[in-house]
Amino acid sequence: MRRELVILRHAKSDWPEGVPDEQRPLAPRGHRDAPAAGRWLREHVPAFDLVLCSPATRARQTWQLVRTELGGDPELRQDERLYGATLTTLTSVVRELPDEAGTVLLVGHNPGLEDLVTALSGEECELRTASIAVLTGSGSWAGVTPGWASLDHTAKPRG
């Protein structure tokens, strides 16, 4: 079975004084770029079976703005492990994806996301805020290993 793993780094965040990192909101630029990312996704990846999102405020806000542009309402799961996740943790999360999910969107943070794209595709990929990487592979999610995917698309949508 063909699988698509779409990686979305959260949009540009703000740095308000006294706000813990996990609670930092999007900056004005993030509010402009996240809908642009949603439009790009609507044009290039028509439907998601599942969305996994970091619980960080900036990631959740990014997803909400992206979702408004998609036209569908895929299943959303917040996963605490995505906040500050390492390559090892992200690989474990991917391997636990349900087999019925053919196309999955993962909304999270660097440097883990860049490391994941590089490990799975063998290609370096810079993910600036609101950047997207589309990986395709085959077989079960449980069988994901380094080199499993090809890096089919990258995008840096800006609003």
N, C-alpha and C. Protein backbone atom coordinates (compact mmCIF):
# COMPACT_ATOMS: atom_id res chain seq x y z
N MET A 1 0.84 -1.19 0.00
CA MET A 1 0.00 0.00 0.00
C MET A 1 0.88 1.25 0.00
N ARG A 2 0.50 2.21 -0.83
CA ARG A 2 1.22 3.48 -0.90
C ARG A 2 0.87 4.33 0.32
N ARG A 3 1.87 4.92 0.92
CA ARG A 3 1.70 5.78 2.10
C ARG A 3 2.26 7.17 1.80
N GLU A 4 1.58 8.18 2.32
CA GLU A 4 2.11 9.55 2.28
C GLU A 4 2.22 10.06 3.70
N LEU A 5 3.40 10.53 4.03
CA LEU A 5 3.64 11.17 5.31
C LEU A 5 3.98 12.62 5.00
N VAL A 6 3.11 13.52 5.41
CA VAL A 6 3.28 14.94 5.14
C VAL A 6 3.74 15.61 6.43
N ILE A 7 4.86 16.27 6.34
CA ILE A 7 5.47 16.93 7.50
C ILE A 7 5.24 18.43 7.38
N LEU A 8 4.70 19.02 8.43
CA LEU A 8 4.46 20.47 8.47
C LEU A 8 5.08 21.04 9.74
N ARG A 9 6.06 21.90 9.56
CA ARG A 9 6.60 22.61 10.72
C ARG A 9 5.63 23.74 11.05
N HIS A 10 5.41 23.96 12.33
CA HIS A 10 4.50 25.04 12.75
C HIS A 10 4.91 26.37 12.12
N ALA A 11 3.94 27.26 12.00
CA ALA A 11 4.20 28.59 11.44
C ALA A 11 4.97 29.45 12.46
N LYS A 12 5.40 30.60 12.01
CA LYS A 12 6.25 31.50 12.82
C LYS A 12 5.56 31.85 14.14
N SER A 13 6.30 31.65 15.22
CA SER A 13 5.74 31.92 16.54
C SER A 13 6.24 33.25 17.10
N ASP A 14 5.51 33.71 18.08
CA ASP A 14 5.87 34.92 18.80
C ASP A 14 6.70 34.53 20.02
N TRP A 15 7.32 35.50 20.64
CA TRP A 15 8.15 35.27 21.83
C TRP A 15 7.72 36.21 22.96
N PRO A 16 6.45 36.14 23.41
CA PRO A 16 6.04 37.06 24.47
C PRO A 16 6.79 36.78 25.78
N GLU A 17 7.15 37.86 26.45
CA GLU A 17 7.89 37.75 27.70
C GLU A 17 7.07 37.01 28.75
N GLY A 18 7.73 36.09 29.44
CA GLY A 18 7.09 35.38 30.53
C GLY A 18 6.20 34.21 30.13
N VAL A 19 6.11 33.93 28.83
CA VAL A 19 5.26 32.82 28.36
C VAL A 19 6.15 31.59 28.16
N PRO A 20 5.80 30.46 28.79
CA PRO A 20 6.60 29.25 28.60
C PRO A 20 6.62 28.83 27.13
N ASP A 21 7.70 28.19 26.72
CA ASP A 21 7.89 27.82 25.32
C ASP A 21 6.69 27.08 24.75
N GLU A 22 6.16 26.11 25.46
CA GLU A 22 5.05 25.31 24.94
C GLU A 22 3.79 26.15 24.70
N GLN A 23 3.68 27.29 25.35
CA GLN A 23 2.49 28.12 25.23
C GLN A 23 2.66 29.32 24.30
N ARG A 24 3.81 29.41 23.62
CA ARG A 24 4.01 30.54 22.72
C ARG A 24 3.03 30.49 21.56
N PRO A 25 2.35 31.61 21.27
CA PRO A 25 1.38 31.65 20.17
C PRO A 25 2.06 31.98 18.85
N LEU A 26 1.28 31.95 17.80
CA LEU A 26 1.79 32.37 16.49
C LEU A 26 2.00 33.88 16.47
N ALA A 27 3.00 34.29 15.71
CA ALA A 27 3.25 35.70 15.44
C ALA A 27 2.35 36.12 14.28
N PRO A 28 2.22 37.43 14.03
CA PRO A 28 1.41 37.86 12.88
C PRO A 28 1.80 37.19 11.57
N ARG A 29 3.10 37.02 11.33
CA ARG A 29 3.53 36.32 10.11
C ARG A 29 3.03 34.88 10.10
N GLY A 30 3.03 34.22 11.24
CA GLY A 30 2.51 32.86 11.34
C GLY A 30 1.04 32.78 10.99
N HIS A 31 0.29 33.81 11.41
CA HIS A 31 -1.15 33.86 11.07
C HIS A 31 -1.37 34.06 9.57
N ARG A 32 -0.40 34.64 8.87
CA ARG A 32 -0.50 34.78 7.42
C ARG A 32 -0.02 33.53 6.69
N ASP A 33 1.06 32.92 7.19
CA ASP A 33 1.67 31.79 6.49
C ASP A 33 0.91 30.48 6.66
N ALA A 34 0.31 30.24 7.80
CA ALA A 34 -0.39 28.97 8.03
C ALA A 34 -1.53 28.76 7.02
N PRO A 35 -2.39 29.76 6.75
CA PRO A 35 -3.41 29.54 5.72
C PRO A 35 -2.81 29.29 4.33
N ALA A 36 -1.68 29.94 4.04
CA ALA A 36 -1.02 29.68 2.75
C ALA A 36 -0.55 28.23 2.69
N ALA A 37 -0.07 27.70 3.79
CA ALA A 37 0.32 26.28 3.84
C ALA A 37 -0.91 25.40 3.62
N GLY A 38 -2.03 25.79 4.20
CA GLY A 38 -3.26 25.04 4.00
C GLY A 38 -3.70 25.03 2.54
N ARG A 39 -3.56 26.16 1.87
CA ARG A 39 -3.92 26.22 0.45
C ARG A 39 -3.00 25.34 -0.39
N TRP A 40 -1.70 25.36 -0.06
CA TRP A 40 -0.76 24.52 -0.78
C TRP A 40 -1.12 23.04 -0.58
N LEU A 41 -1.43 22.68 0.64
CA LEU A 41 -1.80 21.28 0.92
C LEU A 41 -3.08 20.89 0.18
N ARG A 42 -4.06 21.77 0.15
CA ARG A 42 -5.32 21.48 -0.56
C ARG A 42 -5.05 21.18 -2.03
N GLU A 43 -4.11 21.91 -2.64
CA GLU A 43 -3.80 21.73 -4.05
C GLU A 43 -2.93 20.49 -4.33
N HIS A 44 -2.10 20.09 -3.37
CA HIS A 44 -1.12 19.03 -3.63
C HIS A 44 -1.38 17.72 -2.89
N VAL A 45 -2.10 17.77 -1.80
CA VAL A 45 -2.42 16.56 -1.02
C VAL A 45 -3.90 16.66 -0.68
N PRO A 46 -4.75 16.13 -1.54
CA PRO A 46 -6.19 16.41 -1.43
C PRO A 46 -6.88 15.99 -0.15
N ALA A 47 -6.41 14.94 0.52
CA ALA A 47 -7.13 14.50 1.72
C ALA A 47 -6.18 13.81 2.68
N PHE A 48 -6.45 14.00 3.96
CA PHE A 48 -5.69 13.33 5.01
C PHE A 48 -6.60 12.36 5.74
N ASP A 49 -6.05 11.20 6.05
CA ASP A 49 -6.78 10.23 6.86
C ASP A 49 -6.62 10.52 8.35
N LEU A 50 -5.49 11.14 8.71
CA LEU A 50 -5.18 11.38 10.11
C LEU A 50 -4.23 12.56 10.21
N VAL A 51 -4.41 13.36 11.26
CA VAL A 51 -3.50 14.45 11.56
C VAL A 51 -2.98 14.23 12.98
N LEU A 52 -1.65 14.24 13.13
CA LEU A 52 -1.03 14.21 14.45
C LEU A 52 -0.42 15.57 14.69
N CYS A 53 -0.72 16.15 15.85
CA CYS A 53 -0.28 17.51 16.13
C CYS A 53 0.36 17.59 17.51
N SER A 54 1.43 18.34 17.58
CA SER A 54 2.06 18.65 18.86
C SER A 54 1.06 19.44 19.72
N PRO A 55 1.12 19.29 21.03
CA PRO A 55 0.23 20.05 21.90
C PRO A 55 0.65 21.50 22.09
N ALA A 56 1.81 21.90 21.59
CA ALA A 56 2.26 23.28 21.74
C ALA A 56 1.26 24.24 21.08
N THR A 57 1.05 25.36 21.69
CA THR A 57 0.06 26.33 21.20
C THR A 57 0.33 26.70 19.75
N ARG A 58 1.57 26.98 19.38
CA ARG A 58 1.89 27.40 18.02
C ARG A 58 1.58 26.30 17.00
N ALA A 59 1.77 25.04 17.36
CA ALA A 59 1.45 23.94 16.45
C ALA A 59 -0.07 23.79 16.32
N ARG A 60 -0.78 23.86 17.43
CA ARG A 60 -2.25 23.74 17.38
C ARG A 60 -2.87 24.89 16.59
N GLN A 61 -2.36 26.11 16.78
CA GLN A 61 -2.88 27.25 16.02
C GLN A 61 -2.57 27.09 14.53
N THR A 62 -1.39 26.59 14.22
CA THR A 62 -1.04 26.34 12.82
C THR A 62 -2.04 25.37 12.21
N TRP A 63 -2.31 24.25 12.89
CA TRP A 63 -3.25 23.27 12.36
C TRP A 63 -4.63 23.88 12.17
N GLN A 64 -5.11 24.66 13.11
CA GLN A 64 -6.45 25.25 12.98
C GLN A 64 -6.54 26.15 11.75
N LEU A 65 -5.50 26.92 11.49
CA LEU A 65 -5.51 27.80 10.32
C LEU A 65 -5.36 27.00 9.02
N VAL A 66 -4.57 25.94 9.04
CA VAL A 66 -4.43 25.07 7.87
C VAL A 66 -5.76 24.38 7.59
N ARG A 67 -6.40 23.87 8.62
CA ARG A 67 -7.65 23.11 8.48
C ARG A 67 -8.73 23.93 7.80
N THR A 68 -8.80 25.22 8.08
CA THR A 68 -9.83 26.06 7.47
C THR A 68 -9.69 26.13 5.96
N GLU A 69 -8.50 25.85 5.44
CA GLU A 69 -8.25 25.91 4.00
C GLU A 69 -8.44 24.57 3.29
N LEU A 70 -8.54 23.49 4.04
CA LEU A 70 -8.55 22.16 3.43
C LEU A 70 -9.89 21.73 2.88
N GLY A 71 -10.97 22.13 3.49
CA GLY A 71 -12.28 21.71 3.01
C GLY A 71 -12.76 20.40 3.60
N GLY A 72 -11.94 19.70 4.34
CA GLY A 72 -12.35 18.46 5.00
C GLY A 72 -12.07 18.58 6.48
N ASP A 73 -12.37 17.53 7.20
CA ASP A 73 -12.12 17.54 8.64
C ASP A 73 -11.56 16.19 9.07
N PRO A 74 -10.27 15.95 8.77
CA PRO A 74 -9.68 14.65 9.12
C PRO A 74 -9.60 14.46 10.63
N GLU A 75 -9.46 13.22 11.03
CA GLU A 75 -9.29 12.90 12.44
C GLU A 75 -8.03 13.57 12.96
N LEU A 76 -8.14 14.21 14.12
CA LEU A 76 -7.02 14.90 14.75
C LEU A 76 -6.67 14.19 16.05
N ARG A 77 -5.38 13.94 16.22
CA ARG A 77 -4.87 13.41 17.48
C ARG A 77 -3.72 14.29 17.93
N GLN A 78 -3.84 14.83 19.15
CA GLN A 78 -2.70 15.52 19.74
C GLN A 78 -1.83 14.46 20.38
N ASP A 79 -0.53 14.59 20.17
CA ASP A 79 0.40 13.62 20.73
C ASP A 79 1.48 14.37 21.50
N GLU A 80 1.48 14.20 22.80
CA GLU A 80 2.44 14.88 23.68
C GLU A 80 3.88 14.62 23.26
N ARG A 81 4.13 13.47 22.66
CA ARG A 81 5.51 13.11 22.29
C ARG A 81 6.07 13.99 21.18
N LEU A 82 5.21 14.68 20.43
CA LEU A 82 5.68 15.49 19.31
C LEU A 82 6.35 16.79 19.73
N TYR A 83 6.08 17.24 20.95
CA TYR A 83 6.70 18.48 21.43
C TYR A 83 8.14 18.17 21.81
N GLY A 84 9.08 18.77 21.10
CA GLY A 84 10.50 18.57 21.37
C GLY A 84 11.00 17.18 21.01
N ALA A 85 10.31 16.52 20.10
CA ALA A 85 10.63 15.13 19.76
C ALA A 85 11.96 15.00 19.03
N THR A 86 12.67 13.94 19.36
CA THR A 86 13.90 13.57 18.66
C THR A 86 13.54 12.68 17.48
N LEU A 87 14.53 12.40 16.66
CA LEU A 87 14.34 11.49 15.53
C LEU A 87 13.83 10.14 16.02
N THR A 88 14.39 9.62 17.09
CA THR A 88 13.99 8.32 17.61
C THR A 88 12.51 8.33 18.02
N THR A 89 12.09 9.38 18.70
CA THR A 89 10.69 9.48 19.12
C THR A 89 9.77 9.61 17.93
N LEU A 90 10.12 10.47 16.98
CA LEU A 90 9.28 10.65 15.80
C LEU A 90 9.16 9.37 14.99
N THR A 91 10.25 8.63 14.86
CA THR A 91 10.19 7.36 14.14
C THR A 91 9.25 6.39 14.85
N SER A 92 9.29 6.36 16.16
CA SER A 92 8.37 5.51 16.93
C SER A 92 6.93 5.91 16.71
N VAL A 93 6.66 7.21 16.70
CA VAL A 93 5.30 7.70 16.47
C VAL A 93 4.81 7.25 15.09
N VAL A 94 5.65 7.38 14.08
CA VAL A 94 5.27 6.98 12.72
C VAL A 94 5.01 5.48 12.66
N ARG A 95 5.84 4.71 13.30
CA ARG A 95 5.67 3.25 13.28
C ARG A 95 4.38 2.79 13.97
N GLU A 96 3.82 3.64 14.82
CA GLU A 96 2.57 3.31 15.53
C GLU A 96 1.32 3.78 14.78
N LEU A 97 1.49 4.41 13.63
CA LEU A 97 0.32 4.88 12.88
C LEU A 97 -0.56 3.70 12.49
N PRO A 98 -1.87 3.91 12.46
CA PRO A 98 -2.78 2.82 12.09
C PRO A 98 -2.65 2.49 10.60
N ASP A 99 -2.70 1.20 10.29
CA ASP A 99 -2.55 0.76 8.90
C ASP A 99 -3.62 1.31 7.98
N GLU A 100 -4.81 1.62 8.50
CA GLU A 100 -5.86 2.15 7.63
C GLU A 100 -5.60 3.59 7.20
N ALA A 101 -4.64 4.26 7.82
CA ALA A 101 -4.30 5.63 7.46
C ALA A 101 -3.28 5.61 6.32
N GLY A 102 -3.71 6.01 5.14
CA GLY A 102 -2.81 6.05 4.00
C GLY A 102 -2.05 7.35 3.88
N THR A 103 -2.70 8.46 4.26
CA THR A 103 -2.08 9.78 4.18
C THR A 103 -2.18 10.45 5.54
N VAL A 104 -1.03 10.80 6.10
CA VAL A 104 -0.97 11.35 7.46
C VAL A 104 -0.22 12.67 7.43
N LEU A 105 -0.76 13.64 8.16
CA LEU A 105 -0.09 14.93 8.35
C LEU A 105 0.45 14.99 9.77
N LEU A 106 1.72 15.34 9.90
CA LEU A 106 2.37 15.47 11.19
C LEU A 106 2.76 16.94 11.37
N VAL A 107 2.21 17.60 12.39
CA VAL A 107 2.49 19.02 12.66
C VAL A 107 3.35 19.10 13.91
N GLY A 108 4.58 19.60 13.74
CA GLY A 108 5.49 19.62 14.89
C GLY A 108 6.59 20.64 14.76
N HIS A 109 7.78 20.25 15.24
CA HIS A 109 8.87 21.19 15.50
C HIS A 109 10.21 20.68 14.97
N ASN A 110 11.10 21.62 14.76
CA ASN A 110 12.50 21.31 14.46
C ASN A 110 13.28 21.24 15.76
N PRO A 111 14.42 20.58 15.77
CA PRO A 111 15.12 19.98 14.64
C PRO A 111 14.62 18.57 14.29
N GLY A 112 13.75 18.01 15.10
CA GLY A 112 13.29 16.63 14.90
C GLY A 112 12.67 16.38 13.54
N LEU A 113 11.85 17.33 13.05
CA LEU A 113 11.19 17.11 11.76
C LEU A 113 12.18 17.04 10.61
N GLU A 114 13.17 17.93 10.61
CA GLU A 114 14.19 17.88 9.56
C GLU A 114 14.96 16.56 9.64
N ASP A 115 15.27 16.13 10.85
CA ASP A 115 15.99 14.86 11.04
C ASP A 115 15.16 13.70 10.51
N LEU A 116 13.85 13.73 10.74
CA LEU A 116 12.97 12.65 10.28
C LEU A 116 12.93 12.59 8.75
N VAL A 117 12.76 13.74 8.12
CA VAL A 117 12.71 13.77 6.65
C VAL A 117 14.03 13.24 6.08
N THR A 118 15.15 13.67 6.63
CA THR A 118 16.46 13.22 6.15
C THR A 118 16.63 11.72 6.35
N ALA A 119 16.26 11.23 7.52
CA ALA A 119 16.43 9.79 7.80
C ALA A 119 15.55 8.94 6.89
N LEU A 120 14.30 9.34 6.71
CA LEU A 120 13.38 8.51 5.94
C LEU A 120 13.63 8.58 4.44
N SER A 121 14.12 9.74 3.96
CA SER A 121 14.29 9.91 2.51
C SER A 121 15.75 9.85 2.05
N GLY A 122 16.67 10.07 2.98
CA GLY A 122 18.07 10.13 2.59
C GLY A 122 18.45 11.47 1.98
N GLU A 123 17.53 12.43 1.99
CA GLU A 123 17.79 13.76 1.42
C GLU A 123 17.72 14.82 2.51
N GLU A 124 18.66 15.75 2.45
CA GLU A 124 18.62 16.89 3.37
C GLU A 124 17.42 17.76 3.02
N CYS A 125 16.78 18.28 4.04
CA CYS A 125 15.60 19.11 3.81
C CYS A 125 15.52 20.16 4.91
N GLU A 126 15.59 21.42 4.50
CA GLU A 126 15.45 22.50 5.47
C GLU A 126 13.96 22.83 5.62
N LEU A 127 13.49 22.79 6.85
CA LEU A 127 12.09 23.13 7.13
C LEU A 127 12.04 24.41 7.96
N ARG A 128 11.87 25.52 7.25
CA ARG A 128 11.65 26.78 7.96
C ARG A 128 10.21 26.76 8.47
N THR A 129 9.82 27.77 9.22
CA THR A 129 8.46 27.79 9.74
C THR A 129 7.46 27.72 8.59
N ALA A 130 6.39 26.96 8.81
CA ALA A 130 5.30 26.73 7.85
C ALA A 130 5.74 25.97 6.60
N SER A 131 6.92 25.34 6.67
CA SER A 131 7.39 24.54 5.53
C SER A 131 6.78 23.15 5.55
N ILE A 132 6.72 22.56 4.36
CA ILE A 132 6.08 21.27 4.16
C ILE A 132 7.04 20.34 3.43
N ALA A 133 7.04 19.07 3.83
CA ALA A 133 7.74 18.02 3.10
C ALA A 133 6.76 16.87 2.92
N VAL A 134 6.67 16.35 1.70
CA VAL A 134 5.78 15.23 1.40
C VAL A 134 6.64 14.02 1.07
N LEU A 135 6.50 13.00 1.91
CA LEU A 135 7.24 11.76 1.76
C LEU A 135 6.29 10.66 1.31
N THR A 136 6.75 9.79 0.41
CA THR A 136 5.94 8.63 0.03
C THR A 136 6.77 7.37 0.18
N GLY A 137 6.07 6.33 0.62
CA GLY A 137 6.68 5.02 0.78
C GLY A 137 5.60 3.97 0.63
N SER A 138 5.95 2.72 0.88
CA SER A 138 4.95 1.67 0.77
C SER A 138 5.14 0.67 1.90
N GLY A 139 4.13 -0.17 2.07
CA GLY A 139 4.16 -1.14 3.15
C GLY A 139 3.47 -0.61 4.38
N SER A 140 3.60 -1.30 5.47
CA SER A 140 2.94 -0.87 6.71
C SER A 140 3.76 0.22 7.38
N TRP A 141 3.08 1.01 8.17
CA TRP A 141 3.78 2.05 8.94
C TRP A 141 4.78 1.40 9.90
N ALA A 142 4.42 0.25 10.44
CA ALA A 142 5.30 -0.43 11.40
C ALA A 142 6.65 -0.78 10.78
N GLY A 143 6.70 -0.86 9.46
CA GLY A 143 7.94 -1.21 8.77
C GLY A 143 8.79 -0.04 8.35
N VAL A 144 8.46 1.16 8.80
CA VAL A 144 9.22 2.36 8.42
C VAL A 144 10.64 2.28 8.99
N THR A 145 11.62 2.44 8.11
CA THR A 145 13.03 2.42 8.49
C THR A 145 13.75 3.51 7.71
N PRO A 146 15.00 3.81 8.05
CA PRO A 146 15.75 4.79 7.27
C PRO A 146 15.76 4.40 5.78
N GLY A 147 15.52 5.39 4.93
CA GLY A 147 15.48 5.17 3.50
C GLY A 147 14.14 4.67 2.98
N TRP A 148 13.13 4.58 3.85
CA TRP A 148 11.81 4.05 3.49
C TRP A 148 11.09 4.89 2.44
N ALA A 149 11.33 6.17 2.40
CA ALA A 149 10.51 7.08 1.60
C ALA A 149 11.31 7.81 0.55
N SER A 150 10.55 8.36 -0.40
CA SER A 150 11.13 9.34 -1.31
C SER A 150 10.56 10.70 -0.92
N LEU A 151 11.35 11.72 -1.08
CA LEU A 151 10.93 13.09 -0.81
C LEU A 151 10.35 13.64 -2.10
N ASP A 152 9.02 13.66 -2.20
CA ASP A 152 8.35 14.02 -3.46
C ASP A 152 8.15 15.52 -3.64
N HIS A 153 7.88 16.23 -2.56
CA HIS A 153 7.63 17.67 -2.65
C HIS A 153 8.16 18.36 -1.40
N THR A 154 8.61 19.58 -1.58
CA THR A 154 8.84 20.48 -0.48
C THR A 154 8.24 21.83 -0.85
N ALA A 155 7.81 22.56 0.16
CA ALA A 155 7.22 23.87 -0.10
C ALA A 155 7.43 24.77 1.11
N LYS A 156 7.53 26.06 0.83
CA LYS A 156 7.64 27.08 1.87
C LYS A 156 6.57 28.14 1.60
N PRO A 157 5.30 27.78 1.77
CA PRO A 157 4.23 28.74 1.47
C PRO A 157 4.31 29.98 2.35
N ARG A 158 4.05 31.11 1.75
CA ARG A 158 4.05 32.36 2.49
C ARG A 158 2.76 33.11 2.20
N GLY A 159 2.23 33.74 3.25
CA GLY A 159 0.97 34.46 3.11
C GLY A 159 1.19 35.92 2.83
